[in-house]
Amino acid sequence: MNDYPAEPWDLHGHAYVGVWLLPRGTAPLPAAPSTKAVTLFGRTVVCAAFFVYEQPSPLTYDEIMATVLVREGWRPRVSITHIWVNSVPSRDGGRRLWAIPKDLADFEVGRHSSYAAQGIGSLAVRRVRRLPWRLPLGFRIAQDRAGTLLVSPVTGRIRLGLATARWTLAADGPLGFLNGRKPLLTIACRPFHLLFGRRAG
């Protein structure tokens, strides 16, 4: 018997997403076969994000990830290249259900202002300006499962904003390719309600 819930996961919480444009050769490669990185002005679109999953989510935990914007043909996808959580069920479920390469890390998280993953990086949020309403959201995750492409849907509603924040990614850590680089912007997703994965049947 699995110790993680069946998909889809009904997720609630908040997140901050930094967006970078990295020169070719410095960005991580997409973790999905038959996809290509989306480039703007010859640069790859890379994101790093801290997520906090809260009640009434089926699992409550913290998460840091890096993603690359890719395309399958002309269809946009998100490829998760690096990701850590502080929940064994989340790690196991992410790997088995959606081929998301989750590993474990220790986190220190403040309510809405400070986030850190040991040996990986931290985020200090100083100010957030949010829209007054929630917006619908939908995208698809593209991952590699034993050499084949696995595409998983994500839908939901989210209240967006822009954050004034400082990202610090460890130079000798797994996200060191972002060390010393300033993001174009940091997006606040506070709160969000996401349905991750496919419904049975």
C-alpha atoms as a PDB file:
ATOM      1  CA  MET A   1       0.000   0.000   0.000  1.00  0.00           C
ATOM      2  CA  ASN A   2       1.327   3.445  -0.964  1.00  0.00           C
ATOM      3  CA  ASP A   3       1.932   6.060   1.707  1.00  0.00           C
ATOM      4  CA  TYR A   4       0.988   8.900  -0.665  1.00  0.00           C
ATOM      5  CA  PRO A   5      -2.440   9.885  -2.022  1.00  0.00           C
ATOM      6  CA  ALA A   6      -3.682   8.853  -5.445  1.00  0.00           C
ATOM      7  CA  GLU A   7      -3.722  11.530  -8.128  1.00  0.00           C
ATOM      8  CA  PRO A   8      -4.914  14.161  -8.511  1.00  0.00           C
ATOM      9  CA  TRP A   9      -3.519  15.965  -5.477  1.00  0.00           C
ATOM     10  CA  ASP A  10      -5.743  18.828  -4.298  1.00  0.00           C
ATOM     11  CA  LEU A  11      -3.077  21.318  -3.208  1.00  0.00           C
ATOM     12  CA  HIS A  12      -3.391  24.563  -1.244  1.00  0.00           C
ATOM     13  CA  GLY A  13      -0.724  26.982  -0.092  1.00  0.00           C
ATOM     14  CA  HIS A  14       1.531  29.800  -1.258  1.00  0.00           C
ATOM     15  CA  ALA A  15       4.653  30.122  -3.375  1.00  0.00           C
ATOM     16  CA  TYR A  16       7.240  32.516  -4.774  1.00  0.00           C
ATOM     17  CA  VAL A  17       8.656  32.015  -8.266  1.00  0.00           C
ATOM     18  CA  GLY A  18      11.784  33.712  -9.591  1.00  0.00           C
ATOM     19  CA  VAL A  19      12.223  33.999 -13.369  1.00  0.00           C
ATOM     20  CA  TRP A  20      15.635  34.108 -15.069  1.00  0.00           C
ATOM     21  CA  LEU A  21      16.855  34.252 -18.668  1.00  0.00           C
ATOM     22  CA  LEU A  22      20.075  32.239 -18.825  1.00  0.00           C
ATOM     23  CA  PRO A  23      22.609  32.067 -21.667  1.00  0.00           C
ATOM     24  CA  ARG A  24      22.703  28.797 -23.550  1.00  0.00           C
ATOM     25  CA  GLY A  25      25.161  26.417 -21.998  1.00  0.00           C
ATOM     26  CA  THR A  26      24.535  27.673 -18.458  1.00  0.00           C
ATOM     27  CA  ALA A  27      20.889  26.591 -18.110  1.00  0.00           C
ATOM     28  CA  PRO A  28      19.912  23.063 -17.031  1.00  0.00           C
ATOM     29  CA  LEU A  29      18.779  20.745 -19.812  1.00  0.00           C
ATOM     30  CA  PRO A  30      15.061  19.858 -20.002  1.00  0.00           C
ATOM     31  CA  ALA A  31      14.220  16.675 -18.102  1.00  0.00           C
ATOM     32  CA  ALA A  32      11.885  15.452 -20.827  1.00  0.00           C
ATOM     33  CA  PRO A  33      12.472  13.626 -24.127  1.00  0.00           C
ATOM     34  CA  SER A  34      11.118  15.073 -27.383  1.00  0.00           C
ATOM     35  CA  THR A  35      10.954  18.598 -25.949  1.00  0.00           C
ATOM     36  CA  LYS A  36      13.075  21.677 -26.630  1.00  0.00           C
ATOM     37  CA  ALA A  37      13.866  24.593 -24.359  1.00  0.00           C
ATOM     38  CA  VAL A  38      11.973  27.798 -25.095  1.00  0.00           C
ATOM     39  CA  THR A  39      14.376  30.680 -25.706  1.00  0.00           C
ATOM     40  CA  LEU A  40      13.922  34.443 -25.698  1.00  0.00           C
ATOM     41  CA  PHE A  41      16.642  36.478 -27.393  1.00  0.00           C
ATOM     42  CA  GLY A  42      18.765  33.326 -27.398  1.00  0.00           C
ATOM     43  CA  ARG A  43      18.336  32.729 -23.659  1.00  0.00           C
ATOM     44  CA  THR A  44      16.588  29.900 -21.826  1.00  0.00           C
ATOM     45  CA  VAL A  45      13.642  30.634 -19.520  1.00  0.00           C
ATOM     46  CA  VAL A  46      14.475  29.148 -16.099  1.00  0.00           C
ATOM     47  CA  CYS A  47      12.494  29.445 -12.867  1.00  0.00           C
ATOM     48  CA  ALA A  48      13.260  28.680  -9.235  1.00  0.00           C
ATOM     49  CA  ALA A  49      10.452  28.466  -6.703  1.00  0.00           C
ATOM     50  CA  PHE A  50       9.715  27.910  -3.049  1.00  0.00           C
ATOM     51  CA  PHE A  51       6.343  26.256  -2.383  1.00  0.00           C
ATOM     52  CA  VAL A  52       4.595  25.791   0.958  1.00  0.00           C
ATOM     53  CA  TYR A  53       1.715  23.287   0.888  1.00  0.00           C
ATOM     54  CA  GLU A  54      -0.771  23.875   3.684  1.00  0.00           C
ATOM     55  CA  GLN A  55      -4.064  22.484   4.978  1.00  0.00           C
ATOM     56  CA  PRO A  56      -6.369  21.196   3.536  1.00  0.00           C
ATOM     57  CA  SER A  57      -3.790  19.682   1.144  1.00  0.00           C
ATOM     58  CA  PRO A  58      -3.577  15.888   1.466  1.00  0.00           C
ATOM     59  CA  LEU A  59       0.118  16.317   2.330  1.00  0.00           C
ATOM     60  CA  THR A  60       1.626  19.401   3.989  1.00  0.00           C
ATOM     61  CA  TYR A  61       5.285  20.096   3.262  1.00  0.00           C
ATOM     62  CA  ASP A  62       7.840  22.563   1.873  1.00  0.00           C
ATOM     63  CA  GLU A  63       9.479  22.470  -1.530  1.00  0.00           C
ATOM     64  CA  ILE A  64      12.141  24.143  -3.667  1.00  0.00           C
ATOM     65  CA  MET A  65      12.511  23.479  -7.373  1.00  0.00           C
ATOM     66  CA  ALA A  66      14.056  24.629 -10.623  1.00  0.00           C
ATOM     67  CA  THR A  67      12.218  24.372 -13.927  1.00  0.00           C
ATOM     68  CA  VAL A  68      12.838  25.028 -17.600  1.00  0.00           C
ATOM     69  CA  LEU A  69      10.158  26.279 -19.985  1.00  0.00           C
ATOM     70  CA  VAL A  70      10.010  23.848 -22.920  1.00  0.00           C
ATOM     71  CA  ARG A  71       7.853  23.071 -25.912  1.00  0.00           C
ATOM     72  CA  GLU A  72       6.508  19.791 -27.242  1.00  0.00           C
ATOM     73  CA  GLY A  73       6.134  20.728 -30.877  1.00  0.00           C
ATOM     74  CA  TRP A  74       4.581  24.155 -30.380  1.00  0.00           C
ATOM     75  CA  ARG A  75       2.806  23.270 -27.143  1.00  0.00           C
ATOM     76  CA  PRO A  76       4.358  24.907 -24.064  1.00  0.00           C
ATOM     77  CA  ARG A  77       5.322  22.664 -21.149  1.00  0.00           C
ATOM     78  CA  VAL A  78       7.176  22.978 -17.857  1.00  0.00           C
ATOM     79  CA  SER A  79      10.058  20.591 -17.201  1.00  0.00           C
ATOM     80  CA  ILE A  80      11.126  20.140 -13.556  1.00  0.00           C
ATOM     81  CA  THR A  81      14.891  19.610 -13.540  1.00  0.00           C
ATOM     82  CA  HIS A  82      15.679  19.883  -9.792  1.00  0.00           C
ATOM     83  CA  ILE A  83      13.353  19.539  -6.796  1.00  0.00           C
ATOM     84  CA  TRP A  84      13.536  18.882  -3.052  1.00  0.00           C
ATOM     85  CA  VAL A  85      10.857  18.400  -0.397  1.00  0.00           C
ATOM     86  CA  ASN A  86      10.769  17.623   3.330  1.00  0.00           C
ATOM     87  CA  SER A  87       8.172  14.861   3.011  1.00  0.00           C
ATOM     88  CA  VAL A  88       8.903  11.221   2.186  1.00  0.00           C
ATOM     89  CA  PRO A  89       5.335  10.573   0.890  1.00  0.00           C
ATOM     90  CA  SER A  90       5.614  13.630  -1.381  1.00  0.00           C
ATOM     91  CA  ARG A  91       8.993  12.448  -2.681  1.00  0.00           C
ATOM     92  CA  ASP A  92       7.729   8.945  -3.380  1.00  0.00           C
ATOM     93  CA  GLY A  93       4.436  10.065  -4.880  1.00  0.00           C
ATOM     94  CA  GLY A  94       6.070  12.656  -7.110  1.00  0.00           C
ATOM     95  CA  ARG A  95       8.518  10.108  -8.463  1.00  0.00           C
ATOM     96  CA  ARG A  96       6.047   7.275  -9.029  1.00  0.00           C
ATOM     97  CA  LEU A  97       3.003   9.198 -10.239  1.00  0.00           C
ATOM     98  CA  TRP A  98       4.576  11.894 -12.428  1.00  0.00           C
ATOM     99  CA  ALA A  99       8.297  11.035 -12.793  1.00  0.00           C
ATOM    100  CA  ILE A 100       9.221  14.208 -10.907  1.00  0.00           C
ATOM    101  CA  PRO A 101      12.774  13.702  -9.547  1.00  0.00           C
ATOM    102  CA  LYS A 102      12.103  14.726  -5.934  1.00  0.00           C
ATOM    103  CA  ASP A 103      14.800  14.397  -3.286  1.00  0.00           C
ATOM    104  CA  LEU A 104      14.769  15.271   0.421  1.00  0.00           C
ATOM    105  CA  ALA A 105      16.131  18.426   2.068  1.00  0.00           C
ATOM    106  CA  ASP A 106      15.827  20.307   5.365  1.00  0.00           C
ATOM    107  CA  PHE A 107      13.867  23.572   5.298  1.00  0.00           C
ATOM    108  CA  GLU A 108      13.473  26.642   7.477  1.00  0.00           C
ATOM    109  CA  VAL A 109      10.329  28.554   6.519  1.00  0.00           C
ATOM    110  CA  GLY A 110       8.811  31.753   7.850  1.00  0.00           C
ATOM    111  CA  ARG A 111       5.142  32.430   7.263  1.00  0.00           C
ATOM    112  CA  HIS A 112       5.482  34.717   4.219  1.00  0.00           C
ATOM    113  CA  SER A 113       8.924  36.335   4.445  1.00  0.00           C
ATOM    114  CA  SER A 114      11.813  33.868   4.703  1.00  0.00           C
ATOM    115  CA  TYR A 115      12.499  30.502   3.076  1.00  0.00           C
ATOM    116  CA  ALA A 116      15.618  28.350   3.113  1.00  0.00           C
ATOM    117  CA  ALA A 117      16.598  24.871   1.985  1.00  0.00           C
ATOM    118  CA  GLN A 118      19.805  23.644   3.565  1.00  0.00           C
ATOM    119  CA  GLY A 119      22.714  23.581   1.135  1.00  0.00           C
ATOM    120  CA  ILE A 120      20.532  24.764  -1.767  1.00  0.00           C
ATOM    121  CA  GLY A 121      19.391  28.350  -1.301  1.00  0.00           C
ATOM    122  CA  SER A 122      17.201  30.895   0.421  1.00  0.00           C
ATOM    123  CA  LEU A 123      14.691  33.633  -0.307  1.00  0.00           C
ATOM    124  CA  ALA A 124      13.957  36.782   1.694  1.00  0.00           C
ATOM    125  CA  VAL A 125      10.693  38.525   0.751  1.00  0.00           C
ATOM    126  CA  ARG A 126      10.453  42.209   1.617  1.00  0.00           C
ATOM    127  CA  ARG A 127       7.257  43.369  -0.045  1.00  0.00           C
ATOM    128  CA  VAL A 128       4.411  41.952  -2.161  1.00  0.00           C
ATOM    129  CA  ARG A 129       1.858  43.771  -4.279  1.00  0.00           C
ATOM    130  CA  ARG A 130      -1.009  41.427  -5.144  1.00  0.00           C
ATOM    131  CA  LEU A 131      -3.921  41.585  -7.549  1.00  0.00           C
ATOM    132  CA  PRO A 132      -7.283  41.827  -5.759  1.00  0.00           C
ATOM    133  CA  TRP A 133      -8.722  38.698  -7.370  1.00  0.00           C
ATOM    134  CA  ARG A 134      -7.816  35.093  -8.152  1.00  0.00           C
ATOM    135  CA  LEU A 135      -7.133  33.994 -11.723  1.00  0.00           C
ATOM    136  CA  PRO A 136      -7.587  30.606 -13.406  1.00  0.00           C
ATOM    137  CA  LEU A 137      -4.387  28.712 -14.123  1.00  0.00           C
ATOM    138  CA  GLY A 138      -3.579  25.732 -16.316  1.00  0.00           C
ATOM    139  CA  PHE A 139      -0.367  24.204 -17.622  1.00  0.00           C
ATOM    140  CA  ARG A 140       1.282  20.819 -18.166  1.00  0.00           C
ATOM    141  CA  ILE A 141       4.359  19.222 -16.653  1.00  0.00           C
ATOM    142  CA  ALA A 142       6.608  17.247 -19.038  1.00  0.00           C
ATOM    143  CA  GLN A 143       8.974  14.660 -17.541  1.00  0.00           C
ATOM    144  CA  ASP A 144      11.069  11.678 -18.598  1.00  0.00           C
ATOM    145  CA  ARG A 145       9.817   8.241 -17.582  1.00  0.00           C
ATOM    146  CA  ALA A 146      12.281   5.585 -18.733  1.00  0.00           C
ATOM    147  CA  GLY A 147      12.956   7.399 -21.990  1.00  0.00           C
ATOM    148  CA  THR A 148       9.340   8.265 -22.796  1.00  0.00           C
ATOM    149  CA  LEU A 149       7.531  11.554 -22.335  1.00  0.00           C
ATOM    150  CA  LEU A 150       5.038  11.764 -19.462  1.00  0.00           C
ATOM    151  CA  VAL A 151       2.773  14.828 -19.557  1.00  0.00           C
ATOM    152  CA  SER A 152       0.674  15.676 -16.480  1.00  0.00           C
ATOM    153  CA  PRO A 153      -1.950  18.436 -16.183  1.00  0.00           C
ATOM    154  CA  VAL A 154      -2.082  21.121 -13.499  1.00  0.00           C
ATOM    155  CA  THR A 155      -5.171  23.322 -13.119  1.00  0.00           C
ATOM    156  CA  GLY A 156      -6.486  25.671 -10.471  1.00  0.00           C
ATOM    157  CA  ARG A 157      -6.871  29.237  -9.301  1.00  0.00           C
ATOM    158  CA  ILE A 158      -4.195  31.556  -8.013  1.00  0.00           C
ATOM    159  CA  ARG A 159      -3.822  35.083  -6.668  1.00  0.00           C
ATOM    160  CA  LEU A 160      -0.811  36.641  -8.332  1.00  0.00           C
ATOM    161  CA  GLY A 161       1.449  39.488  -7.311  1.00  0.00           C
ATOM    162  CA  LEU A 162       4.934  40.903  -7.723  1.00  0.00           C
ATOM    163  CA  ALA A 163       7.405  40.539  -4.877  1.00  0.00           C
ATOM    164  CA  THR A 164      10.459  42.516  -3.913  1.00  0.00           C
ATOM    165  CA  ALA A 165      12.749  39.724  -2.800  1.00  0.00           C
ATOM    166  CA  ARG A 166      16.351  38.549  -2.566  1.00  0.00           C
ATOM    167  CA  TRP A 167      17.326  35.112  -3.877  1.00  0.00           C
ATOM    168  CA  THR A 168      20.533  33.524  -2.617  1.00  0.00           C
ATOM    169  CA  LEU A 169      21.469  30.239  -4.309  1.00  0.00           C
ATOM    170  CA  ALA A 170      24.536  28.444  -2.987  1.00  0.00           C
ATOM    171  CA  ALA A 171      27.466  28.671  -5.411  1.00  0.00           C
ATOM    172  CA  ASP A 172      28.523  25.099  -4.611  1.00  0.00           C
ATOM    173  CA  GLY A 173      24.964  23.785  -4.412  1.00  0.00           C
ATOM    174  CA  PRO A 174      22.848  22.036  -7.047  1.00  0.00           C
ATOM    175  CA  LEU A 175      21.277  25.352  -8.167  1.00  0.00           C
ATOM    176  CA  GLY A 176      24.665  27.059  -8.401  1.00  0.00           C
ATOM    177  CA  PHE A 177      23.947  27.983 -12.029  1.00  0.00           C
ATOM    178  CA  LEU A 178      21.719  30.751 -10.567  1.00  0.00           C
ATOM    179  CA  ASN A 179      24.289  31.988  -8.057  1.00  0.00           C
ATOM    180  CA  GLY A 180      24.962  35.709  -8.410  1.00  0.00           C
ATOM    181  CA  ARG A 181      22.282  36.172 -11.058  1.00  0.00           C
ATOM    182  CA  LYS A 182      19.398  38.532 -10.453  1.00  0.00           C
ATOM    183  CA  PRO A 183      15.973  37.329 -11.630  1.00  0.00           C
ATOM    184  CA  LEU A 184      13.911  39.380 -14.033  1.00  0.00           C
ATOM    185  CA  LEU A 185      11.088  39.293 -11.501  1.00  0.00           C
ATOM    186  CA  THR A 186       9.721  37.344  -8.566  1.00  0.00           C
ATOM    187  CA  ILE A 187       6.078  36.314  -8.764  1.00  0.00           C
ATOM    188  CA  ALA A 188       4.033  35.829  -5.601  1.00  0.00           C
ATOM    189  CA  CYS A 189       1.405  33.071  -5.755  1.00  0.00           C
ATOM    190  CA  ARG A 190      -0.471  33.722  -2.545  1.00  0.00           C
ATOM    191  CA  PRO A 191      -2.687  31.815  -2.120  1.00  0.00           C
ATOM    192  CA  PHE A 192      -3.048  29.074  -4.705  1.00  0.00           C
ATOM    193  CA  HIS A 193      -5.378  26.117  -5.132  1.00  0.00           C
ATOM    194  CA  LEU A 194      -4.043  23.557  -7.621  1.00  0.00           C
ATOM    195  CA  LEU A 195      -5.257  20.189  -8.831  1.00  0.00           C
ATOM    196  CA  PHE A 196      -2.126  18.253  -9.799  1.00  0.00           C
ATOM    197  CA  GLY A 197      -2.505  15.172 -11.999  1.00  0.00           C
ATOM    198  CA  ARG A 198      -5.307  13.346 -13.747  1.00  0.00           C
ATOM    199  CA  ARG A 199      -8.662  12.265 -12.398  1.00  0.00           C
ATOM    200  CA  ALA A 200      -9.341   8.540 -12.389  1.00  0.00           C
ATOM    201  CA  GLY A 201     -11.227   7.314 -15.401  1.00  0.00           C
END
